[in-house]
Amino acid sequence: MDHASIMNLKATYTWETVNLKPKLDYDFNGKTQKWSYSEELNSFMMGSKYVTGEIYLDLNSDVLYFEIEK
């Protein structure tokens, strides 16, 4: 997602910091991750298409991480 879209997500939803350390093949360039979760965004995105899943956002690097099972 582009930076403007990420900024919109940050402003639109309420975020709670979570203790998450996903194993990603991504270079965070030495930045510490600050993973956060929004129940509102998760409910909106899951809808009826997915059985279970969680969406996380690293507020320091604007990376979205999806743990979704169909």
C-alpha atoms as a PDB file:
ATOM      1  CA  MET A   1       0.000   0.000   0.000  1.00  0.00           C
ATOM      2  CA  ASP A   2       1.126   3.528  -0.586  1.00  0.00           C
ATOM      3  CA  HIS A   3       2.011   5.830   2.310  1.00  0.00           C
ATOM      4  CA  ALA A   4      -1.199   7.880   2.020  1.00  0.00           C
ATOM      5  CA  SER A   5      -3.331   4.725   2.346  1.00  0.00           C
ATOM      6  CA  ILE A   6      -1.384   3.602   5.417  1.00  0.00           C
ATOM      7  CA  MET A   7      -1.790   7.068   6.975  1.00  0.00           C
ATOM      8  CA  ASN A   8      -5.533   6.816   6.325  1.00  0.00           C
ATOM      9  CA  LEU A   9      -5.672   3.434   8.097  1.00  0.00           C
ATOM     10  CA  LYS A  10      -3.740   4.853  11.053  1.00  0.00           C
ATOM     11  CA  ALA A  11      -6.133   7.791  11.352  1.00  0.00           C
ATOM     12  CA  THR A  12      -9.370   5.890  10.729  1.00  0.00           C
ATOM     13  CA  TYR A  13      -8.974   2.995  13.156  1.00  0.00           C
ATOM     14  CA  THR A  14      -8.038   2.640  16.816  1.00  0.00           C
ATOM     15  CA  TRP A  15      -4.759   0.723  17.235  1.00  0.00           C
ATOM     16  CA  GLU A  16      -3.530  -1.276  20.210  1.00  0.00           C
ATOM     17  CA  THR A  17       0.116  -2.283  20.540  1.00  0.00           C
ATOM     18  CA  VAL A  18       0.582  -6.068  20.574  1.00  0.00           C
ATOM     19  CA  ASN A  19       3.492  -8.368  21.321  1.00  0.00           C
ATOM     20  CA  LEU A  20       4.117  -9.886  17.892  1.00  0.00           C
ATOM     21  CA  LYS A  21       7.327 -11.085  16.272  1.00  0.00           C
ATOM     22  CA  PRO A  22       6.412 -12.484  12.844  1.00  0.00           C
ATOM     23  CA  LYS A  23       9.081 -14.201  10.778  1.00  0.00           C
ATOM     24  CA  LEU A  24       9.114 -12.095   7.644  1.00  0.00           C
ATOM     25  CA  ASP A  25      11.456 -11.986   4.684  1.00  0.00           C
ATOM     26  CA  TYR A  26      11.528  -8.198   4.829  1.00  0.00           C
ATOM     27  CA  ASP A  27      14.300  -5.709   5.573  1.00  0.00           C
ATOM     28  CA  PHE A  28      13.139  -3.257   8.229  1.00  0.00           C
ATOM     29  CA  ASN A  29      16.412  -1.319   7.807  1.00  0.00           C
ATOM     30  CA  GLY A  30      17.215  -1.568  11.499  1.00  0.00           C
ATOM     31  CA  LYS A  31      13.890  -0.067  12.594  1.00  0.00           C
ATOM     32  CA  THR A  32      12.265  -1.553  15.676  1.00  0.00           C
ATOM     33  CA  GLN A  33       8.837  -2.892  14.876  1.00  0.00           C
ATOM     34  CA  LYS A  34       5.794  -1.604  16.760  1.00  0.00           C
ATOM     35  CA  TRP A  35       3.094  -4.060  15.794  1.00  0.00           C
ATOM     36  CA  SER A  36      -0.442  -2.929  16.423  1.00  0.00           C
ATOM     37  CA  TYR A  37      -3.891  -4.400  15.993  1.00  0.00           C
ATOM     38  CA  SER A  38      -7.269  -2.818  15.265  1.00  0.00           C
ATOM     39  CA  GLU A  39     -10.398  -4.805  16.081  1.00  0.00           C
ATOM     40  CA  GLU A  40     -12.394  -2.410  13.861  1.00  0.00           C
ATOM     41  CA  LEU A  41     -10.177  -2.942  10.817  1.00  0.00           C
ATOM     42  CA  ASN A  42     -10.022  -6.665  11.412  1.00  0.00           C
ATOM     43  CA  SER A  43     -13.830  -6.942  11.563  1.00  0.00           C
ATOM     44  CA  PHE A  44     -14.210  -4.824   8.442  1.00  0.00           C
ATOM     45  CA  MET A  45     -11.635  -6.774   6.407  1.00  0.00           C
ATOM     46  CA  MET A  46     -12.667 -10.279   7.480  1.00  0.00           C
ATOM     47  CA  GLY A  47     -16.336  -9.879   6.614  1.00  0.00           C
ATOM     48  CA  SER A  48     -17.765 -13.215   5.525  1.00  0.00           C
ATOM     49  CA  LYS A  49     -14.955 -14.183   3.140  1.00  0.00           C
ATOM     50  CA  TYR A  50     -12.571 -15.632   5.705  1.00  0.00           C
ATOM     51  CA  VAL A  51     -12.974 -18.172   8.454  1.00  0.00           C
ATOM     52  CA  THR A  52     -10.343 -16.705  10.741  1.00  0.00           C
ATOM     53  CA  GLY A  53      -7.570 -14.171  10.604  1.00  0.00           C
ATOM     54  CA  GLU A  54      -5.809 -11.184  12.031  1.00  0.00           C
ATOM     55  CA  ILE A  55      -4.349  -8.062  10.434  1.00  0.00           C
ATOM     56  CA  TYR A  56      -1.457  -6.214  12.040  1.00  0.00           C
ATOM     57  CA  LEU A  57       0.254  -2.930  11.206  1.00  0.00           C
ATOM     58  CA  ASP A  58       3.798  -1.980  12.124  1.00  0.00           C
ATOM     59  CA  LEU A  59       3.369   1.668  13.038  1.00  0.00           C
ATOM     60  CA  ASN A  60       7.104   2.330  12.614  1.00  0.00           C
ATOM     61  CA  SER A  61       7.542   1.046   9.065  1.00  0.00           C
ATOM     62  CA  ASP A  62       3.996   1.021   7.627  1.00  0.00           C
ATOM     63  CA  VAL A  63       4.118  -2.739   6.985  1.00  0.00           C
ATOM     64  CA  LEU A  64       0.859  -4.693   7.059  1.00  0.00           C
ATOM     65  CA  TYR A  65       1.039  -8.313   8.201  1.00  0.00           C
ATOM     66  CA  PHE A  66      -1.841 -10.712   7.516  1.00  0.00           C
ATOM     67  CA  GLU A  67      -2.424 -13.999   9.352  1.00  0.00           C
ATOM     68  CA  ILE A  68      -5.451 -15.276   7.472  1.00  0.00           C
ATOM     69  CA  GLU A  69      -6.853 -18.749   6.870  1.00  0.00           C
ATOM     70  CA  LYS A  70      -9.593 -19.290   4.353  1.00  0.00           C
END
